[in-house]
Amino acid sequence: MPKVKTRQIVAKRFKITSSGKVIKRAQGSRHLRAKKSKKQIRRYNEPHVLGPKQAKLIKRLLHH
């Protein structure tokens, strides 16, 4: 039986914390920054936690 490969595109975008939560960067953080407020830009730098349904799907693609 061959090894199950990790989806590299998913591995680069998502990270699993030690408690099992899946975190990602905010979308839209690099595009059209000049018109966004400082508060918005600051909020984009925070890691975002995925919901349980999405986290389950991402964990299945990662195969740690």
N, C-alpha and C. Protein backbone atom coordinates (compact mmCIF):
# COMPACT_ATOMS: atom_id res chain seq x y z
N MET A 1 0.85 -1.18 0.00
CA MET A 1 0.00 0.00 0.00
C MET A 1 0.89 1.24 0.00
N PRO A 2 0.72 2.15 -0.95
CA PRO A 2 1.56 3.35 -0.98
C PRO A 2 1.19 4.33 0.14
N LYS A 3 2.13 5.20 0.44
CA LYS A 3 1.89 6.21 1.48
C LYS A 3 0.86 7.22 0.99
N VAL A 4 0.10 7.77 1.93
CA VAL A 4 -0.85 8.83 1.60
C VAL A 4 -0.09 10.14 1.62
N LYS A 5 -0.14 10.87 0.52
CA LYS A 5 0.61 12.11 0.42
C LYS A 5 -0.17 13.28 1.02
N THR A 6 0.57 14.21 1.60
CA THR A 6 -0.02 15.44 2.12
C THR A 6 -0.26 16.39 0.96
N ARG A 7 -1.40 17.06 0.96
CA ARG A 7 -1.68 18.08 -0.05
C ARG A 7 -0.83 19.31 0.29
N GLN A 8 0.20 19.55 -0.48
CA GLN A 8 1.16 20.61 -0.16
C GLN A 8 0.52 22.00 -0.18
N ILE A 9 -0.44 22.22 -1.07
CA ILE A 9 -1.09 23.53 -1.15
C ILE A 9 -1.84 23.82 0.15
N VAL A 10 -2.40 22.78 0.77
CA VAL A 10 -3.12 22.94 2.04
C VAL A 10 -2.12 23.13 3.18
N ALA A 11 -1.02 22.39 3.13
CA ALA A 11 0.00 22.47 4.18
C ALA A 11 0.62 23.86 4.26
N LYS A 12 0.70 24.55 3.12
CA LYS A 12 1.29 25.89 3.10
C LYS A 12 0.33 26.95 3.62
N ARG A 13 -0.97 26.71 3.53
CA ARG A 13 -1.95 27.73 3.88
C ARG A 13 -2.52 27.59 5.30
N PHE A 14 -2.51 26.38 5.83
CA PHE A 14 -3.13 26.12 7.12
C PHE A 14 -2.14 25.52 8.09
N LYS A 15 -2.40 25.72 9.39
CA LYS A 15 -1.53 25.18 10.43
C LYS A 15 -2.41 24.63 11.54
N ILE A 16 -2.03 23.48 12.09
CA ILE A 16 -2.78 22.89 13.18
C ILE A 16 -2.05 23.19 14.49
N THR A 17 -2.79 23.74 15.45
CA THR A 17 -2.19 24.08 16.74
C THR A 17 -2.08 22.82 17.60
N SER A 18 -1.41 22.94 18.74
CA SER A 18 -1.24 21.78 19.62
C SER A 18 -2.56 21.30 20.20
N SER A 19 -3.53 22.21 20.31
CA SER A 19 -4.85 21.81 20.83
C SER A 19 -5.75 21.24 19.75
N GLY A 20 -5.29 21.26 18.48
CA GLY A 20 -6.06 20.66 17.39
C GLY A 20 -6.86 21.65 16.56
N LYS A 21 -6.76 22.94 16.87
CA LYS A 21 -7.48 23.94 16.07
C LYS A 21 -6.72 24.18 14.77
N VAL A 22 -7.46 24.57 13.73
CA VAL A 22 -6.84 24.88 12.44
C VAL A 22 -6.88 26.39 12.26
N ILE A 23 -5.70 27.00 12.00
CA ILE A 23 -5.63 28.44 11.82
C ILE A 23 -5.15 28.77 10.41
N LYS A 24 -5.52 29.97 9.95
CA LYS A 24 -5.12 30.43 8.62
C LYS A 24 -4.95 31.94 8.64
N ARG A 25 -4.36 32.47 7.59
CA ARG A 25 -4.26 33.93 7.43
C ARG A 25 -5.58 34.46 6.89
N ALA A 26 -5.85 35.72 7.15
CA ALA A 26 -7.07 36.34 6.65
C ALA A 26 -6.98 36.58 5.15
N GLN A 27 -8.08 36.34 4.44
CA GLN A 27 -8.08 36.61 3.01
C GLN A 27 -8.26 38.11 2.77
N GLY A 28 -7.76 38.59 1.65
CA GLY A 28 -7.90 40.00 1.30
C GLY A 28 -6.92 40.91 1.99
N SER A 29 -5.90 40.35 2.63
CA SER A 29 -4.99 41.18 3.42
C SER A 29 -3.95 41.91 2.58
N ARG A 30 -3.69 41.48 1.37
CA ARG A 30 -2.63 42.08 0.57
C ARG A 30 -3.16 42.96 -0.57
N HIS A 31 -4.44 42.91 -0.82
CA HIS A 31 -5.00 43.57 -2.00
C HIS A 31 -5.68 44.88 -1.61
N LEU A 32 -5.35 45.97 -2.32
CA LEU A 32 -5.96 47.29 -2.11
C LEU A 32 -5.82 47.79 -0.67
N ARG A 33 -4.61 47.73 -0.16
CA ARG A 33 -4.38 48.11 1.24
C ARG A 33 -4.46 49.61 1.49
N ALA A 34 -4.23 50.41 0.47
CA ALA A 34 -4.17 51.87 0.66
C ALA A 34 -5.50 52.44 1.15
N LYS A 35 -6.59 51.88 0.70
CA LYS A 35 -7.89 52.42 1.08
C LYS A 35 -8.45 51.82 2.37
N LYS A 36 -7.75 50.83 2.93
CA LYS A 36 -8.23 50.19 4.15
C LYS A 36 -7.69 50.93 5.38
N SER A 37 -8.49 50.93 6.43
CA SER A 37 -8.08 51.62 7.66
C SER A 37 -6.98 50.83 8.37
N LYS A 38 -6.28 51.52 9.26
CA LYS A 38 -5.22 50.86 10.03
C LYS A 38 -5.79 49.72 10.87
N LYS A 39 -7.00 49.91 11.36
CA LYS A 39 -7.65 48.89 12.17
C LYS A 39 -7.91 47.62 11.35
N GLN A 40 -8.36 47.81 10.11
CA GLN A 40 -8.60 46.66 9.22
C GLN A 40 -7.30 45.91 8.94
N ILE A 41 -6.25 46.66 8.62
CA ILE A 41 -4.96 46.06 8.28
C ILE A 41 -4.41 45.30 9.49
N ARG A 42 -4.58 45.86 10.69
CA ARG A 42 -4.14 45.20 11.91
C ARG A 42 -4.90 43.89 12.12
N ARG A 43 -6.20 43.94 11.84
CA ARG A 43 -7.04 42.75 12.02
C ARG A 43 -6.66 41.63 11.06
N TYR A 44 -6.17 41.99 9.88
CA TYR A 44 -5.74 40.99 8.89
C TYR A 44 -4.53 40.20 9.38
N ASN A 45 -3.71 40.79 10.26
CA ASN A 45 -2.50 40.12 10.73
C ASN A 45 -2.77 39.05 11.78
N GLU A 46 -3.97 39.04 12.36
CA GLU A 46 -4.30 38.05 13.38
C GLU A 46 -4.63 36.72 12.71
N PRO A 47 -4.22 35.61 13.31
CA PRO A 47 -4.60 34.31 12.75
C PRO A 47 -6.09 34.05 12.96
N HIS A 48 -6.74 33.46 11.97
CA HIS A 48 -8.16 33.15 12.05
C HIS A 48 -8.36 31.66 12.26
N VAL A 49 -9.24 31.32 13.20
CA VAL A 49 -9.52 29.92 13.51
C VAL A 49 -10.69 29.45 12.65
N LEU A 50 -10.55 28.29 12.04
CA LEU A 50 -11.61 27.74 11.22
C LEU A 50 -12.68 27.09 12.08
N GLY A 51 -13.89 27.02 11.53
CA GLY A 51 -14.98 26.35 12.22
C GLY A 51 -14.79 24.84 12.21
N PRO A 52 -15.61 24.11 12.97
CA PRO A 52 -15.41 22.66 13.09
C PRO A 52 -15.57 21.89 11.78
N LYS A 53 -16.52 22.27 10.94
CA LYS A 53 -16.73 21.54 9.67
C LYS A 53 -15.56 21.75 8.73
N GLN A 54 -15.11 23.01 8.60
CA GLN A 54 -13.98 23.30 7.72
C GLN A 54 -12.70 22.68 8.25
N ALA A 55 -12.52 22.70 9.57
CA ALA A 55 -11.32 22.14 10.19
C ALA A 55 -11.23 20.64 9.92
N LYS A 56 -12.36 19.96 9.98
CA LYS A 56 -12.39 18.52 9.72
C LYS A 56 -11.94 18.21 8.30
N LEU A 57 -12.40 19.01 7.34
CA LEU A 57 -12.02 18.82 5.94
C LEU A 57 -10.53 19.07 5.73
N ILE A 58 -10.00 20.13 6.32
CA ILE A 58 -8.58 20.47 6.17
C ILE A 58 -7.70 19.40 6.80
N LYS A 59 -8.09 18.90 7.98
CA LYS A 59 -7.31 17.85 8.64
C LYS A 59 -7.27 16.58 7.80
N ARG A 60 -8.35 16.29 7.10
CA ARG A 60 -8.39 15.12 6.24
C ARG A 60 -7.42 15.27 5.06
N LEU A 61 -7.26 16.49 4.57
CA LEU A 61 -6.34 16.75 3.45
C LEU A 61 -4.88 16.75 3.89
N LEU A 62 -4.63 17.05 5.16
CA LEU A 62 -3.25 17.14 5.64
C LEU A 62 -2.62 15.79 5.96
N HIS A 63 -3.37 14.86 6.50
CA HIS A 63 -2.85 13.51 6.83
C HIS A 63 -1.58 13.55 7.65
N HIS A 64 -1.58 14.19 8.80
CA HIS A 64 -0.38 14.20 9.63
C HIS A 64 -0.12 12.81 10.13
